[in-house]
Amino acid sequence: MVTESPKKTLELIFDFGSPNAYLTLRVLPELLDRTGADLVITPCLLGGIFKATGNKAPMIQYAEAPAKLAYEHLEMRRFIEKHGLTKFRLNPHFPVNTLLIMRGAIVAADEGMLDDYVDAVNRAMWEEGLKMDEPEVVATFLSANGFDGPALLARTQEPEIKAKLVANTEAAVARGVFGIPTFFVGDEMFFGKDRLAQVEEALG
C-alpha cells in the first residue's frame, strides 16, 4: 500500500501595494504546478507592517542612495523581461493607500472569492493603473468585473472585517514579516520575488 505524502502549502503574505507581489503572483502558477503545492494568500496591511518593524518602501529607504534605487529598478525590469510580464505598468498614482482594497480582500476571503478578487484588483492596480484608494473607482471596477461593488465595499466597514485585517497584520509581524511579498513553507520564511528558487526547493 502506497501512502501519499500530504500536500505542501505555500503561504503568501500579501498587499496590493507591492508591485513585486503582483509580479510574484503572475509567475507562481508554474511553480505551484511543478511542486504540486497549494497557495494560501493571507491579506495583510503593508503600511502596518512597515510601521511595526521600522521598515520603509524602497523609494523612501534608498532615496539618498540613488545607485541602489536604480539597481532595484533594474532587477525589476530583468524579472519582467525574463517572465514576459508585458502587461505590468507602474501605477501612476503610486503609492496608493491600500486600506480599502485590503479590507475588501478580507471580505472576499470571507465570501469564498479571494483568488478572483486578488486577480481582478491586481489588474486594476498594476495593469490598468486605476486609483484604487477612491471608493467610487473601486466600486465601479469591481461591479464591471463580476462583483457587487457597493455591497462588497459596504462590508469593508464592518468591525469584524477591520479587526481581521489588523489581526492578520499583527500575526505576520509576530512571525518575523517585515515586507511583502513574504512566503512561508511551514515555519520557514522567505522574502521577495528573488527567493522563489529557494521557495521551490523548500516545497520540493
Foldseek 3Di string as FASTA:
>chain_A
DDDDDDAWEKEWEDFLQDPLQLLLVVPVVVLCVVLVHHYHYQYAALVLLCVVPVDDDCCVVCVVPVVVVVVVVVVVVVSCVVVVVVQFDQQPPPPARRLQLSLLLLLCVVVVRNVLSVVQVNCVVTRVNHRVNDLVRQLVSQVVRPHNSVVSSVVSPDPVSSVSNVVSHVVCVVLPDRGPGWMDGDSDIDHTPVCVVVVSVSSD
